[in-house]
Amino acid sequence: MTNDKEAADALAASFRSLRQEIGKVIVGQDEVVRLVLTAVFSQGHSLLVGVPGLAKTLLIQTIADSLDLSFNRIQFTPDLMPSDIVGSETMNQQRDFQFVKGPVFANIILADEINRTPPKTQAALLESMQEYAVTVAGKRYPLSRPFFVLATQNPIEQEGTYPLPEAQLDRFMFNIELGYPSYAEELSIVKNTTSNTKQTVNKVLHAAEIQAYQELVRRVPVADNVVEYAVNLVQKTRPNTERAAPRTNQLLEWGAGPRASQHLIVGAKCNALLNGKYSPDIEDVRAVAVPILRHRLVRNFKAEAEGIGVEQIVKELL
């Protein structure tokens, strides 16, 4: 590709091809697929929240199949240790210590039921998500790029779980909620999964192409009024500050930090490219605002007592 315009057109075409390949296996969930792919091209991580049986794990595995990347799944359990994720030093036959890499050394990591494991093990992912490296026995080991953590959570069962701390939640670009399929979609799901027909997902993009598209997203120009809109939106979520919205002071204990503003702009840039535009506008910021802010706002007692959800508050601010 000779210029960024051609690259932007190629990204939009690749996005359509990816959705077509993923659609062979995943019925519906178009918005979820769009957000996960937006996170991939924006160098972000995603947290998928939904009740059992909504194909959260299958969705991530299918996306990994459509991208020519290494993939590892980590099933989080209460007895999982940090060394089970990042790796550990072992003694070889020559009685020398050598580092054995853990499953985090892959391009795509599926952290299944991440809230099932204690904070000590959850924290083992922190450095890899932010620094793209892990440190073991004082030595730093870089991870291969691109690198994404796609984690899943079950919102129903809270017994025996360890909610992710705010510091780790903030590392996720998106908090994506999965809903039940429609009647027509569920009919299609049942027909597809109760026969012996097996769909083959073709690989659409390779690691080098994904990294090139990630750099392209960063180069997309953005107008000052769009940046101002994104920053102002985040500022309105912070209670008892100069720009706080009246509803924020009434319903929120804590607002979003600067990382939310950064994700809003990068997400808007990527959303614009995926829709065939060369620069984002305010509508692109709105398109990614709810999943970016959903896990960054902390409601107060009044909001919880009145049953007002974070999503409702964000939509009011928009």
C-alpha atoms as a PDB file:
ATOM      1  CA  MET A   1       0.000   0.000   0.000  1.00  0.00           C
ATOM      2  CA  THR A   2       1.485   3.280  -1.148  1.00  0.00           C
ATOM      3  CA  ASN A   3      -0.367   5.630   1.208  1.00  0.00           C
ATOM      4  CA  ASP A   4      -2.560   5.767   4.316  1.00  0.00           C
ATOM      5  CA  LYS A   5      -5.763   6.129   2.271  1.00  0.00           C
ATOM      6  CA  GLU A   6      -5.170   2.789   0.578  1.00  0.00           C
ATOM      7  CA  ALA A   7      -4.302   1.257   3.955  1.00  0.00           C
ATOM      8  CA  ALA A   8      -7.537   2.636   5.465  1.00  0.00           C
ATOM      9  CA  ASP A   9      -9.578   1.145   2.615  1.00  0.00           C
ATOM     10  CA  ALA A  10      -7.764  -2.191   3.087  1.00  0.00           C
ATOM     11  CA  LEU A  11      -8.538  -2.162   6.825  1.00  0.00           C
ATOM     12  CA  ALA A  12     -12.260  -1.600   6.153  1.00  0.00           C
ATOM     13  CA  ALA A  13     -12.212  -4.476   3.633  1.00  0.00           C
ATOM     14  CA  SER A  14     -10.353  -6.755   6.076  1.00  0.00           C
ATOM     15  CA  PHE A  15     -12.904  -5.902   8.764  1.00  0.00           C
ATOM     16  CA  ARG A  16     -15.759  -6.974   6.467  1.00  0.00           C
ATOM     17  CA  SER A  17     -13.935 -10.211   5.657  1.00  0.00           C
ATOM     18  CA  LEU A  18     -13.323 -10.898   9.359  1.00  0.00           C
ATOM     19  CA  ARG A  19     -17.003 -10.403  10.198  1.00  0.00           C
ATOM     20  CA  GLN A  20     -17.943 -12.751   7.371  1.00  0.00           C
ATOM     21  CA  GLU A  21     -15.575 -15.485   8.596  1.00  0.00           C
ATOM     22  CA  ILE A  22     -16.615 -15.066  12.253  1.00  0.00           C
ATOM     23  CA  GLY A  23     -20.279 -15.145  11.151  1.00  0.00           C
ATOM     24  CA  LYS A  24     -19.775 -18.724   9.918  1.00  0.00           C
ATOM     25  CA  VAL A  25     -19.599 -19.838  13.553  1.00  0.00           C
ATOM     26  CA  ILE A  26     -21.077 -17.007  15.644  1.00  0.00           C
ATOM     27  CA  VAL A  27     -24.730 -16.192  14.969  1.00  0.00           C
ATOM     28  CA  GLY A  28     -25.707 -12.594  15.771  1.00  0.00           C
ATOM     29  CA  GLN A  29     -23.642 -10.699  18.375  1.00  0.00           C
ATOM     30  CA  ASP A  30     -22.656  -8.189  15.641  1.00  0.00           C
ATOM     31  CA  GLU A  31     -22.040  -5.387  18.128  1.00  0.00           C
ATOM     32  CA  VAL A  32     -19.869  -7.634  20.321  1.00  0.00           C
ATOM     33  CA  VAL A  33     -17.768  -8.718  17.329  1.00  0.00           C
ATOM     34  CA  ARG A  34     -17.383  -5.089  16.231  1.00  0.00           C
ATOM     35  CA  LEU A  35     -16.157  -4.002  19.665  1.00  0.00           C
ATOM     36  CA  VAL A  36     -13.708  -6.894  20.084  1.00  0.00           C
ATOM     37  CA  LEU A  37     -12.180  -6.234  16.647  1.00  0.00           C
ATOM     38  CA  THR A  38     -12.056  -2.498  17.444  1.00  0.00           C
ATOM     39  CA  ALA A  39     -10.053  -3.348  20.574  1.00  0.00           C
ATOM     40  CA  VAL A  40      -7.713  -5.576  18.549  1.00  0.00           C
ATOM     41  CA  PHE A  41      -6.904  -2.815  16.039  1.00  0.00           C
ATOM     42  CA  SER A  42      -6.662  -0.230  18.857  1.00  0.00           C
ATOM     43  CA  GLN A  43      -4.126  -2.278  20.878  1.00  0.00           C
ATOM     44  CA  GLY A  44      -6.641  -2.672  23.701  1.00  0.00           C
ATOM     45  CA  HIS A  45      -7.900  -5.490  25.919  1.00  0.00           C
ATOM     46  CA  SER A  46     -11.544  -6.517  26.344  1.00  0.00           C
ATOM     47  CA  LEU A  47     -13.629  -7.892  29.205  1.00  0.00           C
ATOM     48  CA  LEU A  48     -16.678  -9.893  28.072  1.00  0.00           C
ATOM     49  CA  VAL A  49     -19.480 -10.192  30.622  1.00  0.00           C
ATOM     50  CA  GLY A  50     -22.458 -12.476  30.097  1.00  0.00           C
ATOM     51  CA  VAL A  51     -24.427 -15.392  31.502  1.00  0.00           C
ATOM     52  CA  PRO A  52     -23.269 -18.955  30.679  1.00  0.00           C
ATOM     53  CA  GLY A  53     -23.997 -20.358  27.236  1.00  0.00           C
ATOM     54  CA  LEU A  54     -23.733 -17.155  25.185  1.00  0.00           C
ATOM     55  CA  ALA A  55     -20.606 -18.346  23.301  1.00  0.00           C
ATOM     56  CA  LYS A  56     -18.145 -15.948  24.965  1.00  0.00           C
ATOM     57  CA  THR A  57     -15.331 -18.499  24.801  1.00  0.00           C
ATOM     58  CA  LEU A  58     -16.315 -19.703  21.312  1.00  0.00           C
ATOM     59  CA  LEU A  59     -16.366 -16.099  20.057  1.00  0.00           C
ATOM     60  CA  ILE A  60     -12.804 -15.459  21.225  1.00  0.00           C
ATOM     61  CA  GLN A  61     -11.587 -18.793  19.834  1.00  0.00           C
ATOM     62  CA  THR A  62     -13.214 -18.014  16.474  1.00  0.00           C
ATOM     63  CA  ILE A  63     -11.601 -14.564  16.337  1.00  0.00           C
ATOM     64  CA  ALA A  64      -8.248 -16.197  17.080  1.00  0.00           C
ATOM     65  CA  ASP A  65      -8.861 -18.685  14.256  1.00  0.00           C
ATOM     66  CA  SER A  66      -9.574 -15.841  11.790  1.00  0.00           C
ATOM     67  CA  LEU A  67      -6.314 -14.111  12.739  1.00  0.00           C
ATOM     68  CA  ASP A  68      -3.037 -15.901  12.037  1.00  0.00           C
ATOM     69  CA  LEU A  69      -1.860 -15.498  15.643  1.00  0.00           C
ATOM     70  CA  SER A  70      -0.813 -17.803  18.474  1.00  0.00           C
ATOM     71  CA  PHE A  71      -3.610 -18.425  20.977  1.00  0.00           C
ATOM     72  CA  ASN A  72      -3.673 -19.720  24.563  1.00  0.00           C
ATOM     73  CA  ARG A  73      -6.575 -20.249  26.915  1.00  0.00           C
ATOM     74  CA  ILE A  74      -6.148 -19.913  30.684  1.00  0.00           C
ATOM     75  CA  GLN A  75      -8.984 -21.330  32.784  1.00  0.00           C
ATOM     76  CA  PHE A  76      -8.907 -19.300  36.012  1.00  0.00           C
ATOM     77  CA  THR A  77      -9.611 -21.322  39.158  1.00  0.00           C
ATOM     78  CA  PRO A  78      -9.242 -20.579  42.905  1.00  0.00           C
ATOM     79  CA  ASP A  79      -6.023 -22.612  43.143  1.00  0.00           C
ATOM     80  CA  LEU A  80      -4.297 -21.062  40.090  1.00  0.00           C
ATOM     81  CA  MET A  81      -0.895 -19.547  40.918  1.00  0.00           C
ATOM     82  CA  PRO A  82       0.911 -16.616  39.211  1.00  0.00           C
ATOM     83  CA  SER A  83       3.618 -19.000  37.966  1.00  0.00           C
ATOM     84  CA  ASP A  84       0.894 -20.996  36.180  1.00  0.00           C
ATOM     85  CA  ILE A  85       0.323 -17.907  34.004  1.00  0.00           C
ATOM     86  CA  VAL A  86       3.694 -16.224  33.466  1.00  0.00           C
ATOM     87  CA  GLY A  87       5.941 -19.287  33.840  1.00  0.00           C
ATOM     88  CA  SER A  88       8.652 -20.259  36.310  1.00  0.00           C
ATOM     89  CA  GLU A  89      12.314 -21.180  36.611  1.00  0.00           C
ATOM     90  CA  THR A  90      13.123 -24.871  36.684  1.00  0.00           C
ATOM     91  CA  MET A  91      16.376 -26.829  36.967  1.00  0.00           C
ATOM     92  CA  ASN A  92      17.502 -28.658  33.832  1.00  0.00           C
ATOM     93  CA  GLN A  93      19.655 -31.788  33.500  1.00  0.00           C
ATOM     94  CA  GLN A  94      22.837 -29.701  33.724  1.00  0.00           C
ATOM     95  CA  ARG A  95      21.594 -28.389  37.094  1.00  0.00           C
ATOM     96  CA  ASP A  96      21.165 -24.890  35.668  1.00  0.00           C
ATOM     97  CA  PHE A  97      18.061 -22.802  36.142  1.00  0.00           C
ATOM     98  CA  GLN A  98      16.111 -22.092  32.978  1.00  0.00           C
ATOM     99  CA  PHE A  99      12.905 -20.147  32.459  1.00  0.00           C
ATOM    100  CA  VAL A 100       9.905 -22.124  31.191  1.00  0.00           C
ATOM    101  CA  LYS A 101       7.407 -19.784  29.558  1.00  0.00           C
ATOM    102  CA  GLY A 102       3.811 -19.853  30.734  1.00  0.00           C
ATOM    103  CA  PRO A 103       0.650 -19.584  28.614  1.00  0.00           C
ATOM    104  CA  VAL A 104       0.778 -15.758  28.697  1.00  0.00           C
ATOM    105  CA  PHE A 105       3.438 -15.971  25.976  1.00  0.00           C
ATOM    106  CA  ALA A 106       1.026 -15.889  23.035  1.00  0.00           C
ATOM    107  CA  ASN A 107      -0.578 -13.218  20.847  1.00  0.00           C
ATOM    108  CA  ILE A 108      -4.145 -13.764  22.070  1.00  0.00           C
ATOM    109  CA  ILE A 109      -4.863 -14.780  25.668  1.00  0.00           C
ATOM    110  CA  LEU A 110      -8.307 -16.004  26.660  1.00  0.00           C
ATOM    111  CA  ALA A 111      -8.594 -15.422  30.428  1.00  0.00           C
ATOM    112  CA  ASP A 112     -11.686 -17.529  31.055  1.00  0.00           C
ATOM    113  CA  GLU A 113     -13.715 -16.637  34.179  1.00  0.00           C
ATOM    114  CA  ILE A 114     -11.033 -14.249  35.394  1.00  0.00           C
ATOM    115  CA  ASN A 115     -12.963 -13.456  38.586  1.00  0.00           C
ATOM    116  CA  ARG A 116     -12.667 -17.065  39.804  1.00  0.00           C
ATOM    117  CA  THR A 117      -9.038 -16.669  40.887  1.00  0.00           C
ATOM    118  CA  PRO A 118      -7.592 -14.706  43.864  1.00  0.00           C
ATOM    119  CA  PRO A 119      -6.170 -11.175  43.403  1.00  0.00           C
ATOM    120  CA  LYS A 120      -2.578 -12.455  43.622  1.00  0.00           C
ATOM    121  CA  THR A 121      -3.063 -14.418  40.401  1.00  0.00           C
ATOM    122  CA  GLN A 122      -5.181 -11.741  38.735  1.00  0.00           C
ATOM    123  CA  ALA A 123      -2.327  -9.285  39.326  1.00  0.00           C
ATOM    124  CA  ALA A 124       0.037 -11.555  37.376  1.00  0.00           C
ATOM    125  CA  LEU A 125      -1.684 -10.283  34.232  1.00  0.00           C
ATOM    126  CA  LEU A 126      -1.239  -6.600  35.127  1.00  0.00           C
ATOM    127  CA  GLU A 127       2.324  -6.166  33.886  1.00  0.00           C
ATOM    128  CA  SER A 128       1.700  -8.135  30.702  1.00  0.00           C
ATOM    129  CA  MET A 129      -1.396  -6.056  29.864  1.00  0.00           C
ATOM    130  CA  GLN A 130       0.273  -2.692  30.399  1.00  0.00           C
ATOM    131  CA  GLU A 131       3.984  -3.260  29.701  1.00  0.00           C
ATOM    132  CA  TYR A 132       3.768  -6.193  27.245  1.00  0.00           C
ATOM    133  CA  ALA A 133       6.379  -8.022  29.306  1.00  0.00           C
ATOM    134  CA  VAL A 134       6.652 -10.188  32.419  1.00  0.00           C
ATOM    135  CA  THR A 135       9.318 -10.149  35.123  1.00  0.00           C
ATOM    136  CA  VAL A 136      10.402 -13.430  36.741  1.00  0.00           C
ATOM    137  CA  ALA A 137      13.283 -13.710  39.222  1.00  0.00           C
ATOM    138  CA  GLY A 138      14.362 -10.164  38.438  1.00  0.00           C
ATOM    139  CA  LYS A 139      14.627 -10.740  34.681  1.00  0.00           C
ATOM    140  CA  ARG A 140      12.284  -9.113  32.175  1.00  0.00           C
ATOM    141  CA  TYR A 141      10.867 -11.165  29.304  1.00  0.00           C
ATOM    142  CA  PRO A 142       9.112  -9.238  26.489  1.00  0.00           C
ATOM    143  CA  LEU A 143       5.919 -10.675  24.990  1.00  0.00           C
ATOM    144  CA  SER A 144       5.431 -11.168  21.267  1.00  0.00           C
ATOM    145  CA  ARG A 145       3.339  -8.508  19.557  1.00  0.00           C
ATOM    146  CA  PRO A 146       0.514  -8.011  18.848  1.00  0.00           C
ATOM    147  CA  PHE A 147      -0.761  -9.007  22.292  1.00  0.00           C
ATOM    148  CA  PHE A 148      -4.373  -8.988  23.519  1.00  0.00           C
ATOM    149  CA  VAL A 149      -6.061 -10.209  26.679  1.00  0.00           C
ATOM    150  CA  LEU A 150      -9.702 -11.138  26.171  1.00  0.00           C
ATOM    151  CA  ALA A 151     -11.216 -12.016  29.538  1.00  0.00           C
ATOM    152  CA  THR A 152     -14.654 -13.407  30.377  1.00  0.00           C
ATOM    153  CA  GLN A 153     -16.818 -13.038  33.485  1.00  0.00           C
ATOM    154  CA  ASN A 154     -20.094 -14.534  34.637  1.00  0.00           C
ATOM    155  CA  PRO A 155     -22.223 -11.820  36.324  1.00  0.00           C
ATOM    156  CA  ILE A 156     -24.654 -14.236  38.017  1.00  0.00           C
ATOM    157  CA  GLU A 157     -22.603 -16.323  40.425  1.00  0.00           C
ATOM    158  CA  GLN A 158     -20.798 -14.189  42.998  1.00  0.00           C
ATOM    159  CA  GLU A 159     -20.151 -16.891  45.587  1.00  0.00           C
ATOM    160  CA  GLY A 160     -16.509 -17.924  45.606  1.00  0.00           C
ATOM    161  CA  THR A 161     -15.460 -15.180  43.174  1.00  0.00           C
ATOM    162  CA  TYR A 162     -12.962 -12.342  43.467  1.00  0.00           C
ATOM    163  CA  PRO A 163     -14.156  -9.130  41.761  1.00  0.00           C
ATOM    164  CA  LEU A 164     -11.437  -7.475  39.710  1.00  0.00           C
ATOM    165  CA  PRO A 165      -9.934  -4.429  41.468  1.00  0.00           C
ATOM    166  CA  GLU A 166     -10.484  -1.005  39.894  1.00  0.00           C
ATOM    167  CA  ALA A 167      -6.806  -0.735  38.910  1.00  0.00           C
ATOM    168  CA  GLN A 168      -7.055  -3.891  36.814  1.00  0.00           C
ATOM    169  CA  LEU A 169     -10.490  -3.089  35.379  1.00  0.00           C
ATOM    170  CA  ASP A 170      -9.016   0.190  34.114  1.00  0.00           C
ATOM    171  CA  ARG A 171      -6.518  -1.804  32.007  1.00  0.00           C
ATOM    172  CA  PHE A 172      -9.370  -3.129  29.867  1.00  0.00           C
ATOM    173  CA  MET A 173     -10.324  -0.844  26.997  1.00  0.00           C
ATOM    174  CA  PHE A 174     -13.855  -2.258  26.710  1.00  0.00           C
ATOM    175  CA  ASN A 175     -16.339  -3.887  29.063  1.00  0.00           C
ATOM    176  CA  ILE A 176     -18.606  -5.717  26.604  1.00  0.00           C
ATOM    177  CA  GLU A 177     -21.937  -7.109  27.768  1.00  0.00           C
ATOM    178  CA  LEU A 178     -23.440 -10.049  25.879  1.00  0.00           C
ATOM    179  CA  GLY A 179     -27.207 -10.398  25.719  1.00  0.00           C
ATOM    180  CA  TYR A 180     -29.499 -13.286  24.846  1.00  0.00           C
ATOM    181  CA  PRO A 181     -29.989 -14.073  21.131  1.00  0.00           C
ATOM    182  CA  SER A 182     -33.256 -13.233  19.410  1.00  0.00           C
ATOM    183  CA  TYR A 183     -35.758 -15.958  18.490  1.00  0.00           C
ATOM    184  CA  ALA A 184     -34.538 -16.121  14.869  1.00  0.00           C
ATOM    185  CA  GLU A 185     -30.887 -16.166  15.953  1.00  0.00           C
ATOM    186  CA  GLU A 186     -31.489 -18.954  18.469  1.00  0.00           C
ATOM    187  CA  LEU A 187     -33.274 -21.015  15.807  1.00  0.00           C
ATOM    188  CA  SER A 188     -30.198 -20.661  13.598  1.00  0.00           C
ATOM    189  CA  ILE A 189     -27.851 -21.502  16.500  1.00  0.00           C
ATOM    190  CA  VAL A 190     -29.747 -24.712  17.331  1.00  0.00           C
ATOM    191  CA  LYS A 191     -29.865 -25.831  13.673  1.00  0.00           C
ATOM    192  CA  ASN A 192     -26.139 -25.168  13.194  1.00  0.00           C
ATOM    193  CA  THR A 193     -24.928 -26.806  16.405  1.00  0.00           C
ATOM    194  CA  THR A 194     -27.095 -29.946  16.421  1.00  0.00           C
ATOM    195  CA  SER A 195     -25.986 -31.238  13.010  1.00  0.00           C
ATOM    196  CA  ASN A 196     -22.689 -32.789  11.938  1.00  0.00           C
ATOM    197  CA  THR A 197     -21.817 -29.828   9.709  1.00  0.00           C
ATOM    198  CA  LYS A 198     -18.545 -28.182  10.737  1.00  0.00           C
ATOM    199  CA  GLN A 199     -17.664 -24.687   9.535  1.00  0.00           C
ATOM    200  CA  THR A 200     -14.056 -23.873   8.632  1.00  0.00           C
ATOM    201  CA  VAL A 201     -12.856 -20.376   9.527  1.00  0.00           C
ATOM    202  CA  ASN A 202     -10.245 -19.016   7.104  1.00  0.00           C
ATOM    203  CA  LYS A 203      -7.383 -16.839   8.309  1.00  0.00           C
ATOM    204  CA  VAL A 204      -7.809 -13.244   7.140  1.00  0.00           C
ATOM    205  CA  LEU A 205      -4.940 -11.286   8.712  1.00  0.00           C
ATOM    206  CA  HIS A 206      -1.393 -12.014   9.851  1.00  0.00           C
ATOM    207  CA  ALA A 207       0.575 -10.503  12.745  1.00  0.00           C
ATOM    208  CA  ALA A 208       2.508  -8.015  10.582  1.00  0.00           C
ATOM    209  CA  GLU A 209      -0.694  -6.756   8.944  1.00  0.00           C
ATOM    210  CA  ILE A 210      -2.420  -6.315  12.318  1.00  0.00           C
ATOM    211  CA  GLN A 211       0.538  -4.315  13.649  1.00  0.00           C
ATOM    212  CA  ALA A 212       0.532  -2.136  10.509  1.00  0.00           C
ATOM    213  CA  TYR A 213      -3.188  -1.438  10.989  1.00  0.00           C
ATOM    214  CA  GLN A 214      -2.604  -0.629  14.677  1.00  0.00           C
ATOM    215  CA  GLU A 215      -0.014   1.973  13.659  1.00  0.00           C
ATOM    216  CA  LEU A 216      -2.394   3.299  10.997  1.00  0.00           C
ATOM    217  CA  VAL A 217      -5.117   3.866  13.618  1.00  0.00           C
ATOM    218  CA  ARG A 218      -2.694   5.990  15.646  1.00  0.00           C
ATOM    219  CA  ARG A 219      -1.907   8.144  12.581  1.00  0.00           C
ATOM    220  CA  VAL A 220      -5.538   9.012  11.856  1.00  0.00           C
ATOM    221  CA  PRO A 221      -6.050  12.792  12.145  1.00  0.00           C
ATOM    222  CA  VAL A 222      -8.727  13.975  14.564  1.00  0.00           C
ATOM    223  CA  ALA A 223     -10.348  17.399  14.813  1.00  0.00           C
ATOM    224  CA  ASP A 224      -9.928  19.443  17.994  1.00  0.00           C
ATOM    225  CA  ASN A 225     -13.686  19.580  18.620  1.00  0.00           C
ATOM    226  CA  VAL A 226     -13.821  15.751  18.714  1.00  0.00           C
ATOM    227  CA  VAL A 227     -10.977  15.600  21.258  1.00  0.00           C
ATOM    228  CA  GLU A 228     -12.661  18.321  23.320  1.00  0.00           C
ATOM    229  CA  TYR A 229     -15.965  16.404  23.238  1.00  0.00           C
ATOM    230  CA  ALA A 230     -14.280  13.192  24.485  1.00  0.00           C
ATOM    231  CA  VAL A 231     -12.348  14.921  27.276  1.00  0.00           C
ATOM    232  CA  ASN A 232     -15.406  16.923  28.325  1.00  0.00           C
ATOM    233  CA  LEU A 233     -17.483  13.723  28.475  1.00  0.00           C
ATOM    234  CA  VAL A 234     -14.949  12.088  30.818  1.00  0.00           C
ATOM    235  CA  GLN A 235     -14.672  15.264  32.920  1.00  0.00           C
ATOM    236  CA  LYS A 236     -18.464  15.227  33.386  1.00  0.00           C
ATOM    237  CA  THR A 237     -18.221  11.809  35.068  1.00  0.00           C
ATOM    238  CA  ARG A 238     -16.077  13.093  37.960  1.00  0.00           C
ATOM    239  CA  PRO A 239     -18.239  14.135  40.932  1.00  0.00           C
ATOM    240  CA  ASN A 240     -17.517  17.333  42.858  1.00  0.00           C
ATOM    241  CA  THR A 241     -15.274  18.779  40.150  1.00  0.00           C
ATOM    242  CA  GLU A 242     -15.602  21.945  38.089  1.00  0.00           C
ATOM    243  CA  ARG A 243     -17.104  20.237  35.013  1.00  0.00           C
ATOM    244  CA  ALA A 244     -19.149  17.580  36.804  1.00  0.00           C
ATOM    245  CA  ALA A 245     -22.699  17.086  35.525  1.00  0.00           C
ATOM    246  CA  PRO A 246     -25.530  17.522  38.085  1.00  0.00           C
ATOM    247  CA  ARG A 247     -26.498  13.844  37.726  1.00  0.00           C
ATOM    248  CA  THR A 248     -22.883  12.849  38.360  1.00  0.00           C
ATOM    249  CA  ASN A 249     -22.869  14.582  41.745  1.00  0.00           C
ATOM    250  CA  GLN A 250     -26.119  12.828  42.622  1.00  0.00           C
ATOM    251  CA  LEU A 251     -25.307   9.288  41.474  1.00  0.00           C
ATOM    252  CA  LEU A 252     -21.547   8.665  41.236  1.00  0.00           C
ATOM    253  CA  GLU A 253     -18.888   8.072  43.862  1.00  0.00           C
ATOM    254  CA  TRP A 254     -15.950   8.038  41.424  1.00  0.00           C
ATOM    255  CA  GLY A 255     -15.548   9.009  37.781  1.00  0.00           C
ATOM    256  CA  ALA A 256     -13.310   7.872  34.924  1.00  0.00           C
ATOM    257  CA  GLY A 257      -9.597   8.687  34.713  1.00  0.00           C
ATOM    258  CA  PRO A 258      -7.521  10.052  31.810  1.00  0.00           C
ATOM    259  CA  ARG A 259      -7.110   6.553  30.332  1.00  0.00           C
ATOM    260  CA  ALA A 260     -10.815   6.718  29.427  1.00  0.00           C
ATOM    261  CA  SER A 261     -10.221   9.881  27.360  1.00  0.00           C
ATOM    262  CA  GLN A 262      -7.339   8.194  25.552  1.00  0.00           C
ATOM    263  CA  HIS A 263      -9.420   5.110  24.777  1.00  0.00           C
ATOM    264  CA  LEU A 264     -12.333   7.244  23.553  1.00  0.00           C
ATOM    265  CA  ILE A 265     -10.151   8.936  20.928  1.00  0.00           C
ATOM    266  CA  VAL A 266      -8.297   5.794  19.821  1.00  0.00           C
ATOM    267  CA  GLY A 267     -11.572   3.849  19.727  1.00  0.00           C
ATOM    268  CA  ALA A 268     -13.256   6.630  17.722  1.00  0.00           C
ATOM    269  CA  LYS A 269     -10.356   6.645  15.228  1.00  0.00           C
ATOM    270  CA  CYS A 270     -10.633   2.885  14.753  1.00  0.00           C
ATOM    271  CA  ASN A 271     -14.432   2.982  14.525  1.00  0.00           C
ATOM    272  CA  ALA A 272     -14.185   5.617  11.789  1.00  0.00           C
ATOM    273  CA  LEU A 273     -11.744   3.499   9.752  1.00  0.00           C
ATOM    274  CA  LEU A 274     -13.856   0.352  10.114  1.00  0.00           C
ATOM    275  CA  ASN A 275     -16.835   2.293   8.736  1.00  0.00           C
ATOM    276  CA  GLY A 276     -14.928   3.604   5.727  1.00  0.00           C
ATOM    277  CA  LYS A 277     -14.220   7.114   7.056  1.00  0.00           C
ATOM    278  CA  TYR A 278     -10.781   8.730   7.197  1.00  0.00           C
ATOM    279  CA  SER A 279     -11.293  10.836  10.332  1.00  0.00           C
ATOM    280  CA  PRO A 280     -13.558  10.381  13.373  1.00  0.00           C
ATOM    281  CA  ASP A 281     -16.433  12.651  14.351  1.00  0.00           C
ATOM    282  CA  ILE A 282     -18.494  12.952  17.542  1.00  0.00           C
ATOM    283  CA  GLU A 283     -20.713  10.019  16.495  1.00  0.00           C
ATOM    284  CA  ASP A 284     -17.662   7.749  16.529  1.00  0.00           C
ATOM    285  CA  VAL A 285     -16.912   8.814  20.120  1.00  0.00           C
ATOM    286  CA  ARG A 286     -20.518   8.057  21.070  1.00  0.00           C
ATOM    287  CA  ALA A 287     -20.276   4.629  19.417  1.00  0.00           C
ATOM    288  CA  VAL A 288     -17.551   3.484  21.840  1.00  0.00           C
ATOM    289  CA  ALA A 289     -18.437   5.548  24.924  1.00  0.00           C
ATOM    290  CA  VAL A 290     -20.660   3.075  26.797  1.00  0.00           C
ATOM    291  CA  PRO A 291     -18.304   0.029  26.759  1.00  0.00           C
ATOM    292  CA  ILE A 292     -15.350   2.291  27.641  1.00  0.00           C
ATOM    293  CA  LEU A 293     -17.040   4.014  30.592  1.00  0.00           C
ATOM    294  CA  ARG A 294     -19.182   1.110  31.842  1.00  0.00           C
ATOM    295  CA  HIS A 295     -16.490  -0.354  34.133  1.00  0.00           C
ATOM    296  CA  ARG A 296     -14.805   2.935  35.085  1.00  0.00           C
ATOM    297  CA  LEU A 297     -17.666   4.623  36.966  1.00  0.00           C
ATOM    298  CA  VAL A 298     -18.475   3.753  40.580  1.00  0.00           C
ATOM    299  CA  ARG A 299     -22.067   4.376  41.654  1.00  0.00           C
ATOM    300  CA  ASN A 300     -22.945   5.718  45.098  1.00  0.00           C
ATOM    301  CA  PHE A 301     -25.542   4.319  47.501  1.00  0.00           C
ATOM    302  CA  LYS A 302     -28.342   6.476  46.064  1.00  0.00           C
ATOM    303  CA  ALA A 303     -27.843   5.108  42.539  1.00  0.00           C
ATOM    304  CA  GLU A 304     -27.666   1.513  43.763  1.00  0.00           C
ATOM    305  CA  ALA A 305     -30.738   1.930  45.999  1.00  0.00           C
ATOM    306  CA  GLU A 306     -32.760   3.396  43.129  1.00  0.00           C
ATOM    307  CA  GLY A 307     -31.565   0.713  40.707  1.00  0.00           C
ATOM    308  CA  ILE A 308     -29.923   3.183  38.316  1.00  0.00           C
ATOM    309  CA  GLY A 309     -27.255   1.426  36.280  1.00  0.00           C
ATOM    310  CA  VAL A 310     -23.960   2.830  35.003  1.00  0.00           C
ATOM    311  CA  GLU A 311     -25.115   2.404  31.396  1.00  0.00           C
ATOM    312  CA  GLN A 312     -28.160   4.601  32.055  1.00  0.00           C
ATOM    313  CA  ILE A 313     -25.959   7.287  33.637  1.00  0.00           C
ATOM    314  CA  VAL A 314     -23.546   7.264  30.665  1.00  0.00           C
ATOM    315  CA  LYS A 315     -26.426   7.585  28.175  1.00  0.00           C
ATOM    316  CA  GLU A 316     -27.759  10.565  30.136  1.00  0.00           C
ATOM    317  CA  LEU A 317     -24.318  12.209  29.989  1.00  0.00           C
ATOM    318  CA  LEU A 318     -24.142  11.569  26.230  1.00  0.00           C
END
